[in-house]
């Protein structure tokens, strides 16, 4: 067996082993809740701040994104949403979205909300 053949077999084995790890332990490789660092777990998100996705007006929030509906509008100093709209918190950011379509109507800057 040549060195090139041995190298190819070793590479294939490593790729297969990596795929087996990814499929057998879904949260383990992606930093799932079981492996969330304590500082990020307290904030309710295992995604570091620099890696979070920020949405803009018109963007649709995907179904797999964890959102928290805001019901205490006074706490965030935001107006009551109109019918069919709802304020949500995603990774520490506040968005006004259309409830039916999950389209972003407005991205709320918390500093702006605090000064209203």
PDB file of N, CA and C in Angstrom:
ATOM      1  N   UNK A   1       0.856  -1.177   0.000  1.00  0.00           N
ATOM      2  CA  UNK A   1       0.000   0.000   0.000  1.00  0.00           C
ATOM      3  C   UNK A   1       0.901   1.239   0.000  1.00  0.00           C
ATOM      4  N   UNK A   2       0.555   2.199  -0.834  1.00  0.00           N
ATOM      5  CA  UNK A   2       1.383   3.406  -0.941  1.00  0.00           C
ATOM      6  C   UNK A   2       1.039   4.401   0.166  1.00  0.00           C
ATOM      7  N   UNK A   3       1.909   5.368   0.355  1.00  0.00           N
ATOM      8  CA  UNK A   3       1.696   6.413   1.357  1.00  0.00           C
ATOM      9  C   UNK A   3       0.441   7.221   1.041  1.00  0.00           C
ATOM     10  N   UNK A   4       0.188   7.477  -0.238  1.00  0.00           N
ATOM     11  CA  UNK A   4      -0.999   8.245  -0.645  1.00  0.00           C
ATOM     12  C   UNK A   4      -2.282   7.488  -0.281  1.00  0.00           C
ATOM     13  N   UNK A   5      -2.271   6.151  -0.472  1.00  0.00           N
ATOM     14  CA  UNK A   5      -3.448   5.347  -0.135  1.00  0.00           C
ATOM     15  C   UNK A   5      -3.679   5.338   1.375  1.00  0.00           C
ATOM     16  N   UNK A   6      -2.615   5.228   2.141  1.00  0.00           N
ATOM     17  CA  UNK A   6      -2.727   5.232   3.604  1.00  0.00           C
ATOM     18  C   UNK A   6      -3.251   6.582   4.082  1.00  0.00           C
ATOM     19  N   UNK A   7      -2.744   7.647   3.487  1.00  0.00           N
ATOM     20  CA  UNK A   7      -3.187   8.995   3.854  1.00  0.00           C
ATOM     21  C   UNK A   7      -4.673   9.183   3.553  1.00  0.00           C
ATOM     22  N   UNK A   8      -5.112   8.672   2.389  1.00  0.00           N
ATOM     23  CA  UNK A   8      -6.521   8.794   1.997  1.00  0.00           C
ATOM     24  C   UNK A   8      -7.424   8.014   2.963  1.00  0.00           C
ATOM     25  N   UNK A   9      -6.999   6.828   3.359  1.00  0.00           N
ATOM     26  CA  UNK A   9      -7.780   6.002   4.289  1.00  0.00           C
ATOM     27  C   UNK A   9      -7.860   6.693   5.651  1.00  0.00           C
ATOM     28  N   UNK A  10      -6.748   7.248   6.111  1.00  0.00           N
ATOM     29  CA  UNK A  10      -6.724   7.938   7.400  1.00  0.00           C
ATOM     30  C   UNK A  10      -7.627   9.163   7.385  1.00  0.00           C
ATOM     31  N   UNK A  11      -7.599   9.920   6.292  1.00  0.00           N
ATOM     32  CA  UNK A  11      -8.454  11.109   6.169  1.00  0.00           C
ATOM     33  C   UNK A  11      -9.922  10.714   6.173  1.00  0.00           C
ATOM     34  N   UNK A  12     -10.255   9.670   5.437  1.00  0.00           N
ATOM     35  CA  UNK A  12     -11.641   9.198   5.379  1.00  0.00           C
ATOM     36  C   UNK A  12     -12.108   8.750   6.763  1.00  0.00           C
ATOM     37  N   UNK A  13     -11.245   8.061   7.502  1.00  0.00           N
ATOM     38  CA  UNK A  13     -11.598   7.605   8.840  1.00  0.00           C
ATOM     39  C   UNK A  13     -11.827   8.781   9.778  1.00  0.00           C
ATOM     40  N   UNK A  14     -10.983   9.807   9.679  1.00  0.00           N
ATOM     41  CA  UNK A  14     -11.138  10.990  10.531  1.00  0.00           C
ATOM     42  C   UNK A  14     -12.438  11.723  10.222  1.00  0.00           C
ATOM     43  N   UNK A  15     -12.762  11.861   8.944  1.00  0.00           N
ATOM     44  CA  UNK A  15     -14.009  12.531   8.551  1.00  0.00           C
ATOM     45  C   UNK A  15     -15.200  11.728   9.047  1.00  0.00           C
ATOM     46  N   UNK A  16     -15.166  10.417   8.881  1.00  0.00           N
ATOM     47  CA  UNK A  16     -16.273   9.565   9.335  1.00  0.00           C
ATOM     48  C   UNK A  16     -16.431   9.660  10.849  1.00  0.00           C
ATOM     49  N   UNK A  17     -15.320   9.665  11.578  1.00  0.00           N
ATOM     50  CA  UNK A  17     -15.381   9.774  13.038  1.00  0.00           C
ATOM     51  C   UNK A  17     -15.971  11.119  13.449  1.00  0.00           C
ATOM     52  N   UNK A  18     -15.563  12.190  12.774  1.00  0.00           N
ATOM     53  CA  UNK A  18     -16.097  13.527  13.075  1.00  0.00           C
ATOM     54  C   UNK A  18     -17.589  13.598  12.812  1.00  0.00           C
ATOM     55  N   UNK A  19     -18.036  13.025  11.698  1.00  0.00           N
ATOM     56  CA  UNK A  19     -19.472  13.016  11.397  1.00  0.00           C
ATOM     57  C   UNK A  19     -20.234  12.189  12.418  1.00  0.00           C
ATOM     58  N   UNK A  20     -19.650  11.091  12.860  1.00  0.00           N
ATOM     59  CA  UNK A  20     -20.306  10.266  13.877  1.00  0.00           C
ATOM     60  C   UNK A  20     -20.474  11.044  15.175  1.00  0.00           C
ATOM     61  N   UNK A  21     -19.464  11.819  15.538  1.00  0.00           N
ATOM     62  CA  UNK A  21     -19.576  12.644  16.742  1.00  0.00           C
ATOM     63  C   UNK A  21     -20.680  13.679  16.603  1.00  0.00           C
ATOM     64  N   UNK A  22     -20.736  14.320  15.447  1.00  0.00           N
ATOM     65  CA  UNK A  22     -21.744  15.367  15.241  1.00  0.00           C
ATOM     66  C   UNK A  22     -23.157  14.807  15.266  1.00  0.00           C
ATOM     67  N   UNK A  23     -23.357  13.638  14.695  1.00  0.00           N
ATOM     68  CA  UNK A  23     -24.704  13.086  14.634  1.00  0.00           C
ATOM     69  C   UNK A  23     -25.108  12.375  15.911  1.00  0.00           C
ATOM     70  N   UNK A  24     -24.134  11.852  16.681  1.00  0.00           N
ATOM     71  CA  UNK A  24     -24.495  11.122  17.885  1.00  0.00           C
ATOM     72  C   UNK A  24     -24.698  12.032  19.093  1.00  0.00           C
ATOM     73  N   UNK A  25     -24.088  13.202  19.102  1.00  0.00           N
ATOM     74  CA  UNK A  25     -24.204  14.108  20.237  1.00  0.00           C
ATOM     75  C   UNK A  25     -24.585  15.496  19.727  1.00  0.00           C
ATOM     76  N   UNK A  26     -25.870  15.703  19.362  1.00  0.00           N
ATOM     77  CA  UNK A  26     -26.252  16.944  18.726  1.00  0.00           C
ATOM     78  C   UNK A  26     -25.918  18.190  19.511  1.00  0.00           C
ATOM     79  N   UNK A  27     -25.998  18.330  20.729  1.00  0.00           N
ATOM     80  CA  UNK A  27     -25.682  19.593  21.390  1.00  0.00           C
ATOM     81  C   UNK A  27     -24.221  19.731  21.746  1.00  0.00           C
ATOM     82  N   UNK A  28     -23.498  18.608  21.758  1.00  0.00           N
ATOM     83  CA  UNK A  28     -22.133  18.627  22.267  1.00  0.00           C
ATOM     84  C   UNK A  28     -21.198  19.454  21.403  1.00  0.00           C
ATOM     85  N   UNK A  29     -21.236  19.281  20.106  1.00  0.00           N
ATOM     86  CA  UNK A  29     -20.307  19.985  19.240  1.00  0.00           C
ATOM     87  C   UNK A  29     -20.762  21.411  18.981  1.00  0.00           C
ATOM     88  N   UNK A  30     -22.038  21.680  19.072  1.00  0.00           N
ATOM     89  CA  UNK A  30     -22.565  23.011  18.767  1.00  0.00           C
ATOM     90  C   UNK A  30     -22.655  23.894  20.004  1.00  0.00           C
ATOM     91  N   UNK A  31     -22.152  23.456  21.130  1.00  0.00           N
ATOM     92  CA  UNK A  31     -22.237  24.259  22.347  1.00  0.00           C
ATOM     93  C   UNK A  31     -23.649  24.302  22.883  1.00  0.00           C
ATOM     94  N   UNK A  32     -24.296  23.135  22.882  1.00  0.00           N
ATOM     95  CA  UNK A  32     -25.684  23.063  23.334  1.00  0.00           C
ATOM     96  C   UNK A  32     -25.830  23.406  24.801  1.00  0.00           C
ATOM     97  N   UNK A  33     -27.058  23.431  25.299  1.00  0.00           N
ATOM     98  CA  UNK A  33     -27.334  23.842  26.661  1.00  0.00           C
ATOM     99  C   UNK A  33     -26.546  23.080  27.726  1.00  0.00           C
ATOM    100  N   UNK A  34     -26.245  21.799  27.495  1.00  0.00           N
ATOM    101  CA  UNK A  34     -25.509  21.028  28.489  1.00  0.00           C
ATOM    102  C   UNK A  34     -24.065  21.515  28.621  1.00  0.00           C
ATOM    103  N   UNK A  35     -23.542  22.161  27.589  1.00  0.00           N
ATOM    104  CA  UNK A  35     -22.150  22.593  27.582  1.00  0.00           C
ATOM    105  C   UNK A  35     -22.039  24.109  27.539  1.00  0.00           C
ATOM    106  N   UNK A  36     -23.018  24.786  28.039  1.00  0.00           N
ATOM    107  CA  UNK A  36     -23.037  26.238  28.021  1.00  0.00           C
ATOM    108  C   UNK A  36     -22.200  26.778  29.179  1.00  0.00           C
ATOM    109  N   UNK A  37     -21.250  27.689  28.912  1.00  0.00           N
ATOM    110  CA  UNK A  37     -20.475  28.274  30.001  1.00  0.00           C
ATOM    111  C   UNK A  37     -21.380  29.004  30.993  1.00  0.00           C
ATOM    112  N   UNK A  38     -21.065  28.982  32.287  1.00  0.00           N
ATOM    113  CA  UNK A  38     -21.933  29.580  33.310  1.00  0.00           C
ATOM    114  C   UNK A  38     -22.289  31.043  33.052  1.00  0.00           C
ATOM    115  N   UNK A  39     -21.342  31.836  32.574  1.00  0.00           N
ATOM    116  CA  UNK A  39     -21.623  33.260  32.324  1.00  0.00           C
ATOM    117  C   UNK A  39     -22.663  33.460  31.241  1.00  0.00           C
ATOM    118  N   UNK A  40     -22.604  32.639  30.192  1.00  0.00           N
ATOM    119  CA  UNK A  40     -23.586  32.754  29.117  1.00  0.00           C
ATOM    120  C   UNK A  40     -24.910  32.115  29.518  1.00  0.00           C
ATOM    121  N   UNK A  41     -24.869  31.052  30.327  1.00  0.00           N
ATOM    122  CA  UNK A  41     -26.103  30.399  30.767  1.00  0.00           C
ATOM    123  C   UNK A  41     -26.962  31.368  31.572  1.00  0.00           C
ATOM    124  N   UNK A  42     -26.337  32.218  32.385  1.00  0.00           N
ATOM    125  CA  UNK A  42     -27.090  33.202  33.169  1.00  0.00           C
ATOM    126  C   UNK A  42     -27.823  34.184  32.279  1.00  0.00           C
ATOM    127  N   UNK A  43     -27.245  34.481  31.116  1.00  0.00           N
ATOM    128  CA  UNK A  43     -27.846  35.455  30.204  1.00  0.00           C
ATOM    129  C   UNK A  43     -28.931  34.832  29.334  1.00  0.00           C
ATOM    130  N   UNK A  44     -29.105  33.524  29.418  1.00  0.00           N
ATOM    131  CA  UNK A  44     -30.170  32.862  28.684  1.00  0.00           C
ATOM    132  C   UNK A  44     -29.804  32.484  27.264  1.00  0.00           C
ATOM    133  N   UNK A  45     -28.546  32.608  26.892  1.00  0.00           N
ATOM    134  CA  UNK A  45     -28.128  32.258  25.541  1.00  0.00           C
ATOM    135  C   UNK A  45     -26.720  31.705  25.592  1.00  0.00           C
ATOM    136  N   UNK A  46     -26.476  30.609  24.898  1.00  0.00           N
ATOM    137  CA  UNK A  46     -25.140  30.022  24.872  1.00  0.00           C
ATOM    138  C   UNK A  46     -24.298  30.593  23.736  1.00  0.00           C
ATOM    139  N   UNK A  47     -24.841  31.504  22.987  1.00  0.00           N
ATOM    140  CA  UNK A  47     -24.108  32.108  21.889  1.00  0.00           C
ATOM    141  C   UNK A  47     -23.369  33.348  22.390  1.00  0.00           C
ATOM    142  N   UNK A  48     -22.049  33.403  22.187  1.00  0.00           N
ATOM    143  CA  UNK A  48     -21.311  34.593  22.615  1.00  0.00           C
ATOM    144  C   UNK A  48     -21.823  35.842  21.909  1.00  0.00           C
ATOM    145  N   UNK A  49     -21.764  36.997  22.562  1.00  0.00           N
ATOM    146  CA  UNK A  49     -22.322  38.227  22.000  1.00  0.00           C
ATOM    147  C   UNK A  49     -21.835  38.565  20.599  1.00  0.00           C
ATOM    148  N   UNK A  50     -20.592  38.337  20.279  1.00  0.00           N
ATOM    149  CA  UNK A  50     -20.076  38.659  18.956  1.00  0.00           C
ATOM    150  C   UNK A  50     -20.567  37.741  17.860  1.00  0.00           C
ATOM    151  N   UNK A  51     -21.168  36.614  18.233  1.00  0.00           N
ATOM    152  CA  UNK A  51     -21.630  35.641  17.248  1.00  0.00           C
ATOM    153  C   UNK A  51     -23.138  35.675  17.050  1.00  0.00           C
ATOM    154  N   UNK A  52     -23.824  36.527  17.788  1.00  0.00           N
ATOM    155  CA  UNK A  52     -25.283  36.586  17.681  1.00  0.00           C
ATOM    156  C   UNK A  52     -25.709  37.234  16.377  1.00  0.00           C
ATOM    157  N   UNK A  53     -26.832  36.802  15.884  1.00  0.00           N
ATOM    158  CA  UNK A  53     -27.413  37.366  14.669  1.00  0.00           C
ATOM    159  C   UNK A  53     -28.286  38.544  15.065  1.00  0.00           C
ATOM    160  N   UNK A  54     -28.148  39.637  14.361  1.00  0.00           N
ATOM    161  CA  UNK A  54     -28.997  40.801  14.579  1.00  0.00           C
ATOM    162  C   UNK A  54     -29.859  40.981  13.343  1.00  0.00           C
ATOM    163  N   UNK A  55     -31.142  41.199  13.552  1.00  0.00           N
ATOM    164  CA  UNK A  55     -32.054  41.342  12.443  1.00  0.00           C
ATOM    165  C   UNK A  55     -32.402  42.808  12.226  1.00  0.00           C
ATOM    166  N   UNK A  56     -32.765  43.136  11.002  1.00  0.00           N
ATOM    167  CA  UNK A  56     -33.147  44.499  10.628  1.00  0.00           C
ATOM    168  C   UNK A  56     -34.595  44.512  10.174  1.00  0.00           C
ATOM    169  N   UNK A  57     -35.126  45.712   9.991  1.00  0.00           N
ATOM    170  CA  UNK A  57     -36.505  45.874   9.533  1.00  0.00           C
ATOM    171  C   UNK A  57     -36.718  45.086   8.238  1.00  0.00           C
ATOM    172  N   UNK A  58     -37.781  44.293   8.229  1.00  0.00           N
ATOM    173  CA  UNK A  58     -38.121  43.502   7.050  1.00  0.00           C
ATOM    174  C   UNK A  58     -37.613  42.075   7.094  1.00  0.00           C
ATOM    175  N   UNK A  59     -36.616  41.794   7.949  1.00  0.00           N
ATOM    176  CA  UNK A  59     -36.109  40.423   8.069  1.00  0.00           C
ATOM    177  C   UNK A  59     -37.151  39.541   8.739  1.00  0.00           C
ATOM    178  N   UNK A  60     -37.157  38.270   8.383  1.00  0.00           N
ATOM    179  CA  UNK A  60     -38.047  37.305   9.028  1.00  0.00           C
ATOM    180  C   UNK A  60     -37.246  36.519  10.046  1.00  0.00           C
ATOM    181  N   UNK A  61     -37.780  36.403  11.250  1.00  0.00           N
ATOM    182  CA  UNK A  61     -37.126  35.633  12.309  1.00  0.00           C
ATOM    183  C   UNK A  61     -37.397  34.152  12.024  1.00  0.00           C
ATOM    184  N   UNK A  62     -36.347  33.346  11.852  1.00  0.00           N
ATOM    185  CA  UNK A  62     -36.554  31.918  11.563  1.00  0.00           C
ATOM    186  C   UNK A  62     -37.257  31.198  12.718  1.00  0.00           C
ATOM    187  N   UNK A  63     -37.951  30.119  12.385  1.00  0.00           N
ATOM    188  CA  UNK A  63     -38.702  29.357  13.379  1.00  0.00           C
ATOM    189  C   UNK A  63     -37.808  28.702  14.427  1.00  0.00           C
ATOM    190  N   UNK A  64     -36.554  28.415  14.076  1.00  0.00           N
ATOM    191  CA  UNK A  64     -35.675  27.726  15.027  1.00  0.00           C
ATOM    192  C   UNK A  64     -34.997  28.672  16.019  1.00  0.00           C
ATOM    193  N   UNK A  65     -35.239  29.975  15.903  1.00  0.00           N
ATOM    194  CA  UNK A  65     -34.650  30.944  16.826  1.00  0.00           C
ATOM    195  C   UNK A  65     -35.508  31.040  18.079  1.00  0.00           C
ATOM    196  N   UNK A  66     -34.861  30.940  19.233  1.00  0.00           N
ATOM    197  CA  UNK A  66     -35.574  31.008  20.507  1.00  0.00           C
ATOM    198  C   UNK A  66     -35.914  32.470  20.815  1.00  0.00           C
ATOM    199  N   UNK A  67     -37.203  32.742  20.967  1.00  0.00           N
ATOM    200  CA  UNK A  67     -37.643  34.104  21.276  1.00  0.00           C
ATOM    201  C   UNK A  67     -38.399  34.117  22.599  1.00  0.00           C
ATOM    202  N   UNK A  68     -38.374  35.262  23.251  1.00  0.00           N
ATOM    203  CA  UNK A  68     -39.141  35.445  24.492  1.00  0.00           C
ATOM    204  C   UNK A  68     -40.056  36.638  24.265  1.00  0.00           C
ATOM    205  N   UNK A  69     -41.360  36.406  24.396  1.00  0.00           N
ATOM    206  CA  UNK A  69     -42.339  37.478  24.201  1.00  0.00           C
ATOM    207  C   UNK A  69     -42.313  38.402  25.407  1.00  0.00           C
ATOM    208  N   UNK A  70     -42.286  39.702  25.144  1.00  0.00           N
ATOM    209  CA  UNK A  70     -42.259  40.702  26.213  1.00  0.00           C
ATOM    210  C   UNK A  70     -43.689  41.138  26.502  1.00  0.00           C
ATOM    211  N   UNK A  71     -44.110  40.957  27.741  1.00  0.00           N
ATOM    212  CA  UNK A  71     -45.451  41.370  28.130  1.00  0.00           C
ATOM    213  C   UNK A  71     -45.428  42.598  29.038  1.00  0.00           C
ATOM    214  N   UNK A  72     -44.299  42.833  29.706  1.00  0.00           N
ATOM    215  CA  UNK A  72     -44.165  43.993  30.581  1.00  0.00           C
ATOM    216  C   UNK A  72     -43.537  45.142  29.796  1.00  0.00           C
ATOM    217  N   UNK A  73     -44.363  45.896  29.098  1.00  0.00           N
ATOM    218  CA  UNK A  73     -43.879  46.961  28.212  1.00  0.00           C
ATOM    219  C   UNK A  73     -43.266  48.120  28.991  1.00  0.00           C
ATOM    220  N   UNK A  74     -43.752  48.351  30.196  1.00  0.00           N
ATOM    221  CA  UNK A  74     -43.224  49.448  31.012  1.00  0.00           C
ATOM    222  C   UNK A  74     -41.763  49.210  31.392  1.00  0.00           C
ATOM    223  N   UNK A  75     -41.422  47.969  31.629  1.00  0.00           N
ATOM    224  CA  UNK A  75     -40.046  47.653  32.020  1.00  0.00           C
ATOM    225  C   UNK A  75     -39.052  48.081  30.942  1.00  0.00           C
ATOM    226  N   UNK A  76     -39.439  47.902  29.679  1.00  0.00           N
ATOM    227  CA  UNK A  76     -38.560  48.248  28.573  1.00  0.00           C
ATOM    228  C   UNK A  76     -38.856  49.630  27.991  1.00  0.00           C
ATOM    229  N   UNK A  77     -39.842  50.292  28.568  1.00  0.00           N
ATOM    230  CA  UNK A  77     -40.249  51.631  28.135  1.00  0.00           C
ATOM    231  C   UNK A  77     -40.577  51.677  26.638  1.00  0.00           C
ATOM    232  N   UNK A  78     -41.385  50.716  26.226  1.00  0.00           N
ATOM    233  CA  UNK A  78     -41.844  50.676  24.841  1.00  0.00           C
ATOM    234  C   UNK A  78     -43.363  50.803  24.841  1.00  0.00           C
ATOM    235  N   UNK A  79     -43.894  51.335  23.736  1.00  0.00           N
ATOM    236  CA  UNK A  79     -45.344  51.506  23.641  1.00  0.00           C
ATOM    237  C   UNK A  79     -46.020  50.144  23.532  1.00  0.00           C
ATOM    238  N   UNK A  80     -47.301  50.123  23.840  1.00  0.00           N
ATOM    239  CA  UNK A  80     -48.063  48.889  23.666  1.00  0.00           C
ATOM    240  C   UNK A  80     -48.129  48.575  22.168  1.00  0.00           C
ATOM    241  N   UNK A  81     -47.863  47.333  21.793  1.00  0.00           N
ATOM    242  CA  UNK A  81     -47.933  47.001  20.367  1.00  0.00           C
ATOM    243  C   UNK A  81     -49.378  46.986  19.871  1.00  0.00           C
ATOM    244  N   UNK A  82     -49.539  47.275  18.591  1.00  0.00           N
ATOM    245  CA  UNK A  82     -50.876  47.211  17.974  1.00  0.00           C
ATOM    246  C   UNK A  82     -51.290  45.748  17.833  1.00  0.00           C
ATOM    247  N   UNK A  83     -52.562  45.530  17.504  1.00  0.00           N
ATOM    248  CA  UNK A  83     -53.045  44.166  17.267  1.00  0.00           C
ATOM    249  C   UNK A  83     -52.212  43.527  16.160  1.00  0.00           C
ATOM    250  N   UNK A  84     -51.797  42.299  16.388  1.00  0.00           N
ATOM    251  CA  UNK A  84     -51.007  41.573  15.399  1.00  0.00           C
ATOM    252  C   UNK A  84     -49.512  41.809  15.515  1.00  0.00           C
ATOM    253  N   UNK A  85     -49.100  42.674  16.435  1.00  0.00           N
ATOM    254  CA  UNK A  85     -47.684  42.935  16.676  1.00  0.00           C
ATOM    255  C   UNK A  85     -47.317  42.471  18.076  1.00  0.00           C
ATOM    256  N   UNK A  86     -46.056  42.154  18.263  1.00  0.00           N
ATOM    257  CA  UNK A  86     -45.590  41.718  19.573  1.00  0.00           C
ATOM    258  C   UNK A  86     -44.110  42.082  19.703  1.00  0.00           C
ATOM    259  N   UNK A  87     -43.721  42.468  20.929  1.00  0.00           N
ATOM    260  CA  UNK A  87     -42.311  42.696  21.216  1.00  0.00           C
ATOM    261  C   UNK A  87     -41.701  41.377  21.659  1.00  0.00           C
ATOM    262  N   UNK A  88     -40.501  41.085  21.157  1.00  0.00           N
ATOM    263  CA  UNK A  88     -39.795  39.872  21.538  1.00  0.00           C
ATOM    264  C   UNK A  88     -38.356  40.214  21.888  1.00  0.00           C
ATOM    265  N   UNK A  89     -37.774  39.378  22.738  1.00  0.00           N
ATOM    266  CA  UNK A  89     -36.363  39.499  23.059  1.00  0.00           C
ATOM    267  C   UNK A  89     -35.650  38.300  22.473  1.00  0.00           C
ATOM    268  N   UNK A  90     -34.585  38.583  21.747  1.00  0.00           N
ATOM    269  CA  UNK A  90     -33.776  37.526  21.147  1.00  0.00           C
ATOM    270  C   UNK A  90     -32.328  37.831  21.494  1.00  0.00           C
ATOM    271  N   UNK A  91     -31.750  37.025  22.356  1.00  0.00           N
ATOM    272  CA  UNK A  91     -30.353  37.205  22.712  1.00  0.00           C
ATOM    273  C   UNK A  91     -30.028  38.572  23.274  1.00  0.00           C
ATOM    274  N   UNK A  92     -30.937  39.152  24.027  1.00  0.00           N
ATOM    275  CA  UNK A  92     -30.699  40.450  24.638  1.00  0.00           C
ATOM    276  C   UNK A  92     -31.119  41.631  23.785  1.00  0.00           C
ATOM    277  N   UNK A  93     -31.523  41.390  22.554  1.00  0.00           N
ATOM    278  CA  UNK A  93     -32.004  42.455  21.673  1.00  0.00           C
ATOM    279  C   UNK A  93     -33.525  42.431  21.623  1.00  0.00           C
ATOM    280  N   UNK A  94     -34.144  43.606  21.486  1.00  0.00           N
ATOM    281  CA  UNK A  94     -35.598  43.721  21.462  1.00  0.00           C
ATOM    282  C   UNK A  94     -36.056  44.050  20.049  1.00  0.00           C
ATOM    283  N   UNK A  95     -37.082  43.341  19.599  1.00  0.00           N
ATOM    284  CA  UNK A  95     -37.641  43.560  18.270  1.00  0.00           C
ATOM    285  C   UNK A  95     -39.152  43.650  18.362  1.00  0.00           C
ATOM    286  N   UNK A  96     -39.734  44.514  17.547  1.00  0.00           N
ATOM    287  CA  UNK A  96     -41.179  44.547  17.352  1.00  0.00           C
ATOM    288  C   UNK A  96     -41.413  43.758  16.074  1.00  0.00           C
ATOM    289  N   UNK A  97     -42.185  42.670  16.162  1.00  0.00           N
ATOM    290  CA  UNK A  97     -42.401  41.831  14.990  1.00  0.00           C
ATOM    291  C   UNK A  97     -43.891  41.647  14.726  1.00  0.00           C
ATOM    292  N   UNK A  98     -44.214  41.308  13.494  1.00  0.00           N
ATOM    293  CA  UNK A  98     -45.575  40.927  13.137  1.00  0.00           C
ATOM    294  C   UNK A  98     -45.773  39.499  13.639  1.00  0.00           C
ATOM    295  N   UNK A  99     -46.790  39.312  14.445  1.00  0.00           N
ATOM    296  CA  UNK A  99     -46.998  38.015  15.095  1.00  0.00           C
ATOM    297  C   UNK A  99     -47.205  36.886  14.087  1.00  0.00           C
ATOM    298  N   UNK A 100     -47.953  37.142  13.035  1.00  0.00           N
ATOM    299  CA  UNK A 100     -48.295  36.090  12.077  1.00  0.00           C
ATOM    300  C   UNK A 100     -47.109  35.688  11.195  1.00  0.00           C
ATOM    301  N   UNK A 101     -46.315  36.655  10.751  1.00  0.00           N
ATOM    302  CA  UNK A 101     -45.246  36.373   9.792  1.00  0.00           C
ATOM    303  C   UNK A 101     -43.854  36.353  10.400  1.00  0.00           C
ATOM    304  N   UNK A 102     -43.710  36.847  11.623  1.00  0.00           N
ATOM    305  CA  UNK A 102     -42.420  36.985  12.304  1.00  0.00           C
ATOM    306  C   UNK A 102     -41.468  37.924  11.559  1.00  0.00           C
ATOM    307  N   UNK A 103     -42.028  38.883  10.825  1.00  0.00           N
ATOM    308  CA  UNK A 103     -41.204  39.891  10.147  1.00  0.00           C
ATOM    309  C   UNK A 103     -40.909  41.022  11.119  1.00  0.00           C
ATOM    310  N   UNK A 104     -39.673  41.499  11.108  1.00  0.00           N
ATOM    311  CA  UNK A 104     -39.259  42.586  11.988  1.00  0.00           C
ATOM    312  C   UNK A 104     -39.854  43.900  11.485  1.00  0.00           C
ATOM    313  N   UNK A 105     -40.588  44.565  12.377  1.00  0.00           N
ATOM    314  CA  UNK A 105     -41.154  45.882  12.077  1.00  0.00           C
ATOM    315  C   UNK A 105     -40.183  46.960  12.547  1.00  0.00           C
ATOM    316  N   UNK A 106     -39.569  46.689  13.712  1.00  0.00           N
ATOM    317  CA  UNK A 106     -38.637  47.658  14.282  1.00  0.00           C
ATOM    318  C   UNK A 106     -37.649  46.929  15.197  1.00  0.00           C
ATOM    319  N   UNK A 107     -36.370  47.296  15.082  1.00  0.00           N
ATOM    320  CA  UNK A 107     -35.358  46.819  16.016  1.00  0.00           C
ATOM    321  C   UNK A 107     -35.173  47.895  17.055  1.00  0.00           C
ATOM    322  N   UNK A 108     -35.394  47.536  18.318  1.00  0.00           N
ATOM    323  CA  UNK A 108     -35.362  48.511  19.410  1.00  0.00           C
ATOM    324  C   UNK A 108     -33.975  48.537  20.028  1.00  0.00           C
ATOM    325  N   UNK A 109     -33.392  49.713  20.072  1.00  0.00           N
ATOM    326  CA  UNK A 109     -32.129  49.916  20.760  1.00  0.00           C
ATOM    327  C   UNK A 109     -32.470  50.169  22.225  1.00  0.00           C
ATOM    328  N   UNK A 110     -31.948  49.357  23.144  1.00  0.00           N
ATOM    329  CA  UNK A 110     -32.306  49.479  24.553  1.00  0.00           C
ATOM    330  C   UNK A 110     -31.901  50.828  25.130  1.00  0.00           C
ATOM    331  N   UNK A 111     -30.841  51.433  24.628  1.00  0.00           N
ATOM    332  CA  UNK A 111     -30.450  52.765  25.108  1.00  0.00           C
ATOM    333  C   UNK A 111     -31.524  53.768  24.713  1.00  0.00           C
ATOM    334  N   UNK A 112     -32.025  53.685  23.487  1.00  0.00           N
ATOM    335  CA  UNK A 112     -33.102  54.572  23.041  1.00  0.00           C
ATOM    336  C   UNK A 112     -34.363  54.347  23.858  1.00  0.00           C
ATOM    337  N   UNK A 113     -34.682  53.069  24.130  1.00  0.00           N
ATOM    338  CA  UNK A 113     -35.889  52.749  24.871  1.00  0.00           C
ATOM    339  C   UNK A 113     -35.816  53.311  26.299  1.00  0.00           C
ATOM    340  N   UNK A 114     -34.626  53.312  26.886  1.00  0.00           N
ATOM    341  CA  UNK A 114     -34.455  53.804  28.247  1.00  0.00           C
ATOM    342  C   UNK A 114     -34.620  55.314  28.346  1.00  0.00           C
ATOM    343  N   UNK A 115     -34.390  56.022  27.245  1.00  0.00           N
ATOM    344  CA  UNK A 115     -34.490  57.482  27.277  1.00  0.00           C
ATOM    345  C   UNK A 115     -35.851  57.992  26.824  1.00  0.00           C
ATOM    346  N   UNK A 116     -36.739  57.095  26.441  1.00  0.00           N
ATOM    347  CA  UNK A 116     -38.077  57.527  25.979  1.00  0.00           C
ATOM    348  C   UNK A 116     -38.916  58.015  27.126  1.00  0.00           C
TER     349      UNK A 116
END
